[in-house]
Amino acid sequence: MTTVKTWIFAGLTAALAFAAPNAALADKTKVTVYTALENDQLKTFKAAIETAVPDAEVVWVRDSTGVITARFLAEKDNPRADMVMGLAASSLLMFEKAGLLEPYKPAGADKLKEVFRDSKEPYAWTGMDAYLGAICFNTAEAGELAAPKSWKDLLKPDFKGKIVMPHPASSGTGYLMVAGWLQSMGEDAGWKFMDGLHENIAAYLHSGSAPCVQAARGEQLVGLALDMRGASEKTKGAPIEVILPSEGVGWEMEASAIVKGSKNAEVAKKIADWTATENANKLYAKTYAIVAYPGADNPPQNYPAGAEKAMIKNDLGWMADNRERVLAEWSKRYESKAAPKK
């Protein structure tokens, strides 16, 4: 009898040991997060969030900025996401204007740099980090051709067929550049500049990083791309110069928000609180040089000096309100050189 009891006890112990992890998983709330974070960031972010918010299980839905923005808007009558994170703030402003975001101000948001906070009431989104448009110039391929110091230098005949940049409809980096030119130069002068630039463009690529990668490999002379990608490629040994043109550069920020009507809003609010913490911003700083939390900035090796001063006065609301109009006009003028989508 004792032996039988021992076997029963052992079996129950084993069953409970097996069930415990499953019970712990069952207690977690799955939070679906739409994001344009890079694929190699997702695992790290998921681990950090789930450590800070133990009752959350993050389920990513990841694509480029343009694709995620279009998908979210297409689902507006039947939202599939609980949160949006690591998406362009101009996209979130579109969502806010359409009444698709849940009003919520994360704990600690007032400590963030002012530009990274929603300026409207009710408060609905919070900035994470900023990314800038820069020039990646391959010095090895340039020969005697001088590095461009301004955007207008790229209109010189010497650059014909030697420039690639992100497609603004599929890449947030491409759109921030276009919006930056239109705002800083004025619309008439901005379109005139892009007409001239188009003459020298080899292709519009469907990635914010790919143009700099091509320049780094010597496949193109100039890649208009993300500031951080330029620093990264140069640190890897690529013969490139990372240039912030003298007129100033367009920029955007990644931001986060809770989706209106989310059934998991209570857990989503805990994640939103995490996004505004110093620890979260230190994580952002591993990928971006400029982050929302004061003092958490951590520019990498070979990052261009004076980046925050080079940022133009950028109206994110204008970017959001004019996105469809600007992209339609851009496509009408320049779509002929868009790279094939893979």
Protein backbone atom coordinates (compact mmCIF):
# COMPACT_ATOMS: atom_id res chain seq x y z
CA MET A 1 0.00 0.00 0.00
CA THR A 2 2.83 2.36 0.91
CA THR A 3 4.46 1.74 -2.47
CA VAL A 4 1.18 2.48 -4.27
CA LYS A 5 0.76 5.73 -2.30
CA THR A 6 4.32 6.69 -3.14
CA TRP A 7 3.69 6.16 -6.87
CA ILE A 8 0.46 8.18 -6.70
CA PHE A 9 2.20 11.00 -4.84
CA ALA A 10 5.08 11.01 -7.29
CA GLY A 11 2.68 11.08 -10.21
CA LEU A 12 0.72 13.99 -8.76
CA THR A 13 3.93 15.90 -8.06
CA ALA A 14 5.10 15.38 -11.63
CA ALA A 15 1.72 16.43 -12.99
CA LEU A 16 1.69 19.60 -10.90
CA ALA A 17 5.25 20.43 -11.91
CA PHE A 18 4.26 20.07 -15.56
CA ALA A 19 1.07 22.07 -15.09
CA ALA A 20 2.67 24.97 -13.22
CA PRO A 21 4.46 26.54 -16.22
CA ASN A 22 1.33 26.08 -18.33
CA ALA A 23 -0.75 27.73 -15.59
CA ALA A 24 1.72 30.62 -15.51
CA LEU A 25 1.37 31.01 -19.27
CA ALA A 26 -2.39 30.86 -18.98
CA ASP A 27 -2.28 33.77 -16.52
CA LYS A 28 -0.54 35.97 -19.09
CA THR A 29 -2.54 38.32 -21.31
CA LYS A 30 -1.63 38.24 -24.99
CA VAL A 31 -1.13 41.80 -26.19
CA THR A 32 -0.98 42.14 -29.97
CA VAL A 33 1.43 44.92 -30.90
CA TYR A 34 1.69 46.36 -34.41
CA THR A 35 5.24 47.56 -35.01
CA ALA A 36 7.81 48.72 -37.55
CA LEU A 37 10.73 47.89 -35.26
CA GLU A 38 13.52 46.04 -37.02
CA ASN A 39 13.31 42.25 -36.88
CA ASP A 40 16.50 41.99 -34.82
CA GLN A 41 14.95 44.23 -32.12
CA LEU A 42 11.80 42.20 -31.55
CA LYS A 43 13.23 39.46 -29.33
CA THR A 44 15.05 41.94 -27.06
CA PHE A 45 12.03 44.23 -26.74
CA LYS A 46 9.70 41.32 -26.02
CA ALA A 47 11.98 40.04 -23.25
CA ALA A 48 12.33 43.51 -21.69
CA ILE A 49 8.59 44.19 -21.75
CA GLU A 50 7.63 40.79 -20.35
CA THR A 51 10.19 41.17 -17.56
CA ALA A 52 8.80 44.60 -16.63
CA VAL A 53 5.17 43.50 -17.07
CA PRO A 54 5.03 39.82 -16.00
CA ASP A 55 1.34 39.42 -16.84
CA ALA A 56 1.92 40.38 -20.49
CA GLU A 57 2.76 38.17 -23.45
CA VAL A 58 3.77 40.33 -26.42
CA VAL A 59 2.65 39.13 -29.84
CA TRP A 60 4.31 41.15 -32.59
CA VAL A 61 2.82 41.95 -36.00
CA ARG A 62 5.74 43.50 -37.83
CA ASP A 63 6.15 45.20 -41.22
CA SER A 64 7.45 48.45 -42.70
CA THR A 65 5.96 51.76 -41.59
CA GLY A 66 3.88 52.22 -44.73
CA VAL A 67 2.46 48.70 -44.65
CA ILE A 68 1.61 48.78 -40.92
CA THR A 69 0.00 52.21 -41.28
CA ALA A 70 -2.14 51.08 -44.21
CA ARG A 71 -3.10 47.85 -42.44
CA PHE A 72 -4.10 49.63 -39.24
CA LEU A 73 -6.27 52.12 -41.11
CA ALA A 74 -7.87 49.33 -43.15
CA GLU A 75 -8.85 47.62 -39.89
CA LYS A 76 -10.26 50.75 -38.24
CA ASP A 77 -13.78 49.33 -38.02
CA ASN A 78 -12.52 46.07 -36.53
CA PRO A 79 -9.14 46.66 -34.85
CA ARG A 80 -6.89 43.61 -34.51
CA ALA A 81 -4.13 45.31 -32.47
CA ASP A 82 -4.04 46.19 -28.78
CA MET A 83 -1.07 48.54 -29.11
CA VAL A 84 1.11 50.25 -31.66
CA MET A 85 4.82 50.56 -30.81
CA GLY A 86 7.88 51.62 -32.76
CA LEU A 87 5.79 53.23 -35.50
CA ALA A 88 6.23 56.72 -36.94
CA ALA A 89 4.59 59.40 -34.81
CA SER A 90 3.08 60.95 -37.95
CA SER A 91 1.18 57.68 -38.45
CA LEU A 92 -0.01 57.76 -34.83
CA LEU A 93 -1.18 61.34 -35.32
CA MET A 94 -3.29 60.11 -38.22
CA PHE A 95 -4.75 57.42 -35.96
CA GLU A 96 -5.33 59.97 -33.19
CA LYS A 97 -7.16 62.32 -35.55
CA ALA A 98 -9.37 59.43 -36.70
CA GLY A 99 -10.24 58.61 -33.07
CA LEU A 100 -8.52 55.22 -33.16
CA LEU A 101 -6.28 55.63 -30.09
CA GLU A 102 -7.18 55.15 -26.45
CA PRO A 103 -6.45 58.29 -24.40
CA TYR A 104 -3.73 57.41 -21.88
CA LYS A 105 -0.71 59.26 -20.51
CA PRO A 106 1.96 56.88 -19.22
CA ALA A 107 3.28 57.33 -15.71
CA GLY A 108 6.48 59.37 -15.95
CA ALA A 109 5.70 60.86 -19.37
CA ASP A 110 6.20 64.38 -18.02
CA LYS A 111 9.90 63.60 -17.52
CA LEU A 112 10.42 63.10 -21.27
CA LYS A 113 11.72 65.77 -23.67
CA GLU A 114 8.81 67.95 -24.70
CA VAL A 115 9.00 67.10 -28.40
CA PHE A 116 8.41 63.42 -27.56
CA ARG A 117 5.10 64.08 -25.77
CA ASP A 118 1.64 64.37 -27.29
CA SER A 119 0.80 68.08 -27.19
CA LYS A 120 -2.95 67.57 -27.58
CA GLU A 121 -5.63 66.64 -25.10
CA PRO A 122 -6.67 63.98 -24.49
CA TYR A 123 -3.11 62.63 -24.45
CA ALA A 124 -2.85 59.52 -26.66
CA TRP A 125 0.73 58.75 -27.81
CA THR A 126 4.29 58.92 -26.48
CA GLY A 127 7.52 59.29 -28.43
CA MET A 128 10.37 56.85 -28.02
CA ASP A 129 13.30 57.90 -30.21
CA ALA A 130 14.11 60.05 -33.23
CA TYR A 131 15.62 59.06 -36.56
CA LEU A 132 17.06 61.38 -39.17
CA GLY A 133 17.60 61.40 -42.90
CA ALA A 134 21.29 61.46 -43.82
CA ILE A 135 23.60 61.02 -46.79
CA CYS A 136 25.86 57.97 -46.98
CA PHE A 137 28.67 58.85 -49.41
CA ASN A 138 31.16 56.22 -50.59
CA THR A 139 34.54 57.94 -50.57
CA ALA A 140 36.28 55.00 -52.26
CA GLU A 141 33.98 55.14 -55.29
CA ALA A 142 33.97 58.94 -55.51
CA GLY A 143 37.33 59.39 -57.18
CA GLU A 144 37.88 63.16 -57.39
CA LEU A 145 34.20 63.93 -56.83
CA ALA A 146 33.77 66.00 -53.67
CA ALA A 147 31.40 64.84 -50.95
CA PRO A 148 28.10 66.73 -50.98
CA LYS A 149 27.68 69.30 -48.21
CA SER A 150 24.11 70.30 -49.01
CA TRP A 151 21.04 68.63 -50.47
CA LYS A 152 21.37 70.76 -53.59
CA ASP A 153 24.85 69.38 -54.25
CA LEU A 154 23.08 66.12 -55.16
CA LEU A 155 21.57 67.83 -58.22
CA LYS A 156 24.97 68.06 -59.94
CA PRO A 157 25.26 66.03 -63.20
CA ASP A 158 28.17 64.08 -61.65
CA PHE A 159 25.63 62.19 -59.51
CA LYS A 160 23.39 61.05 -62.37
CA GLY A 161 22.32 57.43 -61.82
CA LYS A 162 24.42 57.18 -58.67
CA ILE A 163 21.87 57.88 -55.93
CA VAL A 164 19.36 55.60 -54.20
CA MET A 165 16.82 56.59 -51.57
CA PRO A 166 13.89 54.97 -49.76
CA HIS A 167 10.48 54.88 -51.42
CA PRO A 168 8.34 57.20 -49.25
CA ALA A 169 5.15 55.14 -49.52
CA SER A 170 6.77 51.98 -48.14
CA SER A 171 9.46 53.49 -45.93
CA GLY A 172 9.01 55.96 -43.10
CA THR A 173 12.56 57.16 -43.76
CA GLY A 174 11.65 58.02 -47.34
CA TYR A 175 8.58 59.94 -46.25
CA LEU A 176 10.41 61.92 -43.55
CA MET A 177 12.92 63.04 -46.19
CA VAL A 178 10.22 64.15 -48.62
CA ALA A 179 8.25 65.89 -45.85
CA GLY A 180 11.45 67.52 -44.60
CA TRP A 181 12.27 68.99 -48.01
CA LEU A 182 8.73 70.30 -48.50
CA GLN A 183 8.65 71.91 -45.06
CA SER A 184 12.17 73.38 -44.99
CA MET A 185 12.32 74.53 -48.63
CA GLY A 186 8.65 75.37 -49.12
CA GLU A 187 6.39 73.24 -51.30
CA ASP A 188 7.17 74.78 -54.70
CA ALA A 189 10.92 74.73 -54.12
CA GLY A 190 10.71 71.29 -52.50
CA TRP A 191 9.02 69.69 -55.51
CA LYS A 192 11.44 71.47 -57.84
CA PHE A 193 14.34 70.04 -55.83
CA MET A 194 12.86 66.53 -56.02
CA ASP A 195 12.35 66.91 -59.79
CA GLY A 196 16.07 67.57 -60.12
CA LEU A 197 16.99 64.82 -57.68
CA HIS A 198 14.85 62.35 -59.62
CA GLU A 199 17.06 62.89 -62.67
CA ASN A 200 20.01 61.53 -60.66
CA ILE A 201 18.17 58.72 -58.87
CA ALA A 202 18.98 55.13 -59.84
CA ALA A 203 16.10 53.61 -57.85
CA TYR A 204 13.74 54.18 -54.95
CA LEU A 205 14.19 51.21 -52.60
CA HIS A 206 11.57 49.76 -50.26
CA SER A 207 13.69 50.08 -47.12
CA GLY A 208 15.03 52.86 -44.96
CA SER A 209 18.38 51.11 -44.50
CA ALA A 210 19.03 49.55 -47.91
CA PRO A 211 20.26 52.74 -49.65
CA CYS A 212 23.11 53.17 -47.17
CA VAL A 213 23.91 49.45 -47.35
CA GLN A 214 24.24 49.73 -51.13
CA ALA A 215 26.49 52.78 -50.77
CA ALA A 216 28.59 50.96 -48.16
CA ARG A 217 29.09 48.03 -50.55
CA GLY A 218 30.05 50.32 -53.41
CA GLU A 219 26.97 49.33 -55.39
CA GLN A 220 25.96 53.00 -55.44
CA LEU A 221 27.87 56.18 -54.75
CA VAL A 222 25.20 57.82 -52.59
CA GLY A 223 22.51 56.35 -50.36
CA LEU A 224 19.98 58.57 -48.66
CA ALA A 225 19.10 56.66 -45.53
CA LEU A 226 18.84 56.46 -41.77
CA ASP A 227 21.46 58.25 -39.68
CA MET A 228 22.08 55.20 -37.51
CA ARG A 229 22.55 52.87 -40.47
CA GLY A 230 25.25 55.18 -41.76
CA ALA A 231 27.13 55.10 -38.46
CA SER A 232 26.74 51.32 -38.27
CA GLU A 233 28.08 50.70 -41.78
CA LYS A 234 31.05 53.02 -41.22
CA THR A 235 31.89 51.28 -37.94
CA LYS A 236 31.88 47.95 -39.80
CA GLY A 237 34.63 49.38 -41.99
CA ALA A 238 32.72 50.67 -44.99
CA PRO A 239 34.47 53.58 -46.77
CA ILE A 240 31.59 55.99 -46.30
CA GLU A 241 31.10 59.46 -44.93
CA VAL A 242 27.86 60.11 -43.05
CA ILE A 243 26.69 63.63 -43.89
CA LEU A 244 23.98 65.84 -42.39
CA PRO A 245 23.41 68.49 -45.09
CA SER A 246 23.82 72.14 -44.23
CA GLU A 247 20.15 73.05 -44.81
CA GLY A 248 19.09 70.69 -42.03
CA VAL A 249 17.50 67.27 -42.14
CA GLY A 250 14.02 65.87 -41.94
CA TRP A 251 13.31 63.56 -39.05
CA GLU A 252 10.66 61.45 -37.46
CA MET A 253 10.22 59.65 -34.20
CA GLU A 254 9.04 56.23 -33.19
CA ALA A 255 6.13 56.31 -30.79
CA SER A 256 3.70 54.06 -28.95
CA ALA A 257 -0.01 54.14 -28.13
CA ILE A 258 -2.93 51.97 -27.02
CA VAL A 259 -5.60 51.08 -29.56
CA LYS A 260 -9.09 52.30 -28.75
CA GLY A 261 -11.41 49.48 -27.79
CA SER A 262 -8.63 47.05 -26.87
CA LYS A 263 -9.95 44.24 -24.66
CA ASN A 264 -6.51 44.09 -23.06
CA ALA A 265 -6.22 47.78 -22.25
CA GLU A 266 -5.29 47.30 -18.59
CA VAL A 267 -2.19 45.28 -19.42
CA ALA A 268 -1.47 47.54 -22.40
CA LYS A 269 -1.39 50.51 -20.00
CA LYS A 270 1.33 48.79 -17.98
CA ILE A 271 3.35 48.33 -21.17
CA ALA A 272 2.74 51.99 -22.06
CA ASP A 273 4.10 52.96 -18.62
CA TRP A 274 7.23 50.93 -19.36
CA THR A 275 7.78 52.75 -22.68
CA ALA A 276 8.32 56.04 -20.82
CA THR A 277 10.87 54.70 -18.31
CA GLU A 278 14.58 55.38 -18.29
CA ASN A 279 15.29 51.66 -18.70
CA ALA A 280 13.13 51.49 -21.82
CA ASN A 281 14.88 54.54 -23.25
CA LYS A 282 18.28 52.99 -22.59
CA LEU A 283 17.08 50.08 -24.72
CA TYR A 284 15.98 52.49 -27.48
CA ALA A 285 19.43 54.12 -27.26
CA LYS A 286 21.05 50.88 -28.40
CA THR A 287 19.46 51.47 -31.79
CA TYR A 288 18.89 55.24 -31.95
CA ALA A 289 21.20 58.09 -30.98
CA ILE A 290 18.42 60.45 -29.87
CA VAL A 291 15.83 59.20 -27.36
CA ALA A 292 12.99 60.70 -25.34
CA TYR A 293 14.39 60.40 -21.81
CA PRO A 294 16.89 63.18 -20.96
CA GLY A 295 20.37 61.83 -20.39
CA ALA A 296 19.67 58.42 -21.90
CA ASP A 297 21.07 59.36 -25.32
CA ASN A 298 24.03 57.20 -26.33
CA PRO A 299 25.38 58.12 -29.79
CA PRO A 300 27.35 55.24 -31.31
CA GLN A 301 30.80 55.33 -32.81
CA ASN A 302 30.98 57.29 -36.09
CA TYR A 303 27.66 59.04 -35.50
CA PRO A 304 27.72 62.54 -37.06
CA ALA A 305 28.16 65.40 -34.60
CA GLY A 306 25.49 68.05 -34.09
CA ALA A 307 22.56 65.84 -35.05
CA GLU A 308 19.95 67.44 -32.78
CA LYS A 309 20.92 70.91 -34.06
CA ALA A 310 20.58 69.66 -37.66
CA MET A 311 16.97 68.60 -37.14
CA ILE A 312 14.61 70.99 -38.94
CA LYS A 313 11.58 72.50 -37.26
CA ASN A 314 9.33 69.59 -38.05
CA ASP A 315 5.54 69.72 -37.86
CA LEU A 316 4.52 66.12 -37.29
CA GLY A 317 0.88 67.14 -37.53
CA TRP A 318 1.54 68.50 -41.02
CA MET A 319 3.25 65.24 -41.94
CA ALA A 320 0.20 63.29 -40.79
CA ASP A 321 -2.41 65.56 -42.37
CA ASN A 322 -0.66 65.78 -45.73
CA ARG A 323 0.66 62.24 -46.05
CA GLU A 324 -1.88 60.96 -48.59
CA ARG A 325 -1.72 64.11 -50.71
CA VAL A 326 2.09 64.22 -50.72
CA LEU A 327 2.48 60.52 -51.52
CA ALA A 328 -0.05 60.72 -54.36
CA GLU A 329 1.84 63.65 -55.90
CA TRP A 330 5.20 61.94 -55.34
CA SER A 331 3.98 58.73 -57.00
CA LYS A 332 2.62 60.63 -59.99
CA ARG A 333 5.99 62.27 -60.53
CA TYR A 334 8.55 59.61 -59.61
CA GLU A 335 7.06 56.11 -59.41
CA SER A 336 8.79 55.13 -62.67
CA LYS A 337 12.05 54.51 -60.80
CA ALA A 338 10.58 52.50 -57.91
CA ALA A 339 12.46 49.25 -57.32
CA PRO A 340 10.42 46.05 -57.76
CA LYS A 341 8.88 44.84 -54.52
CA LYS A 342 10.20 41.48 -53.36
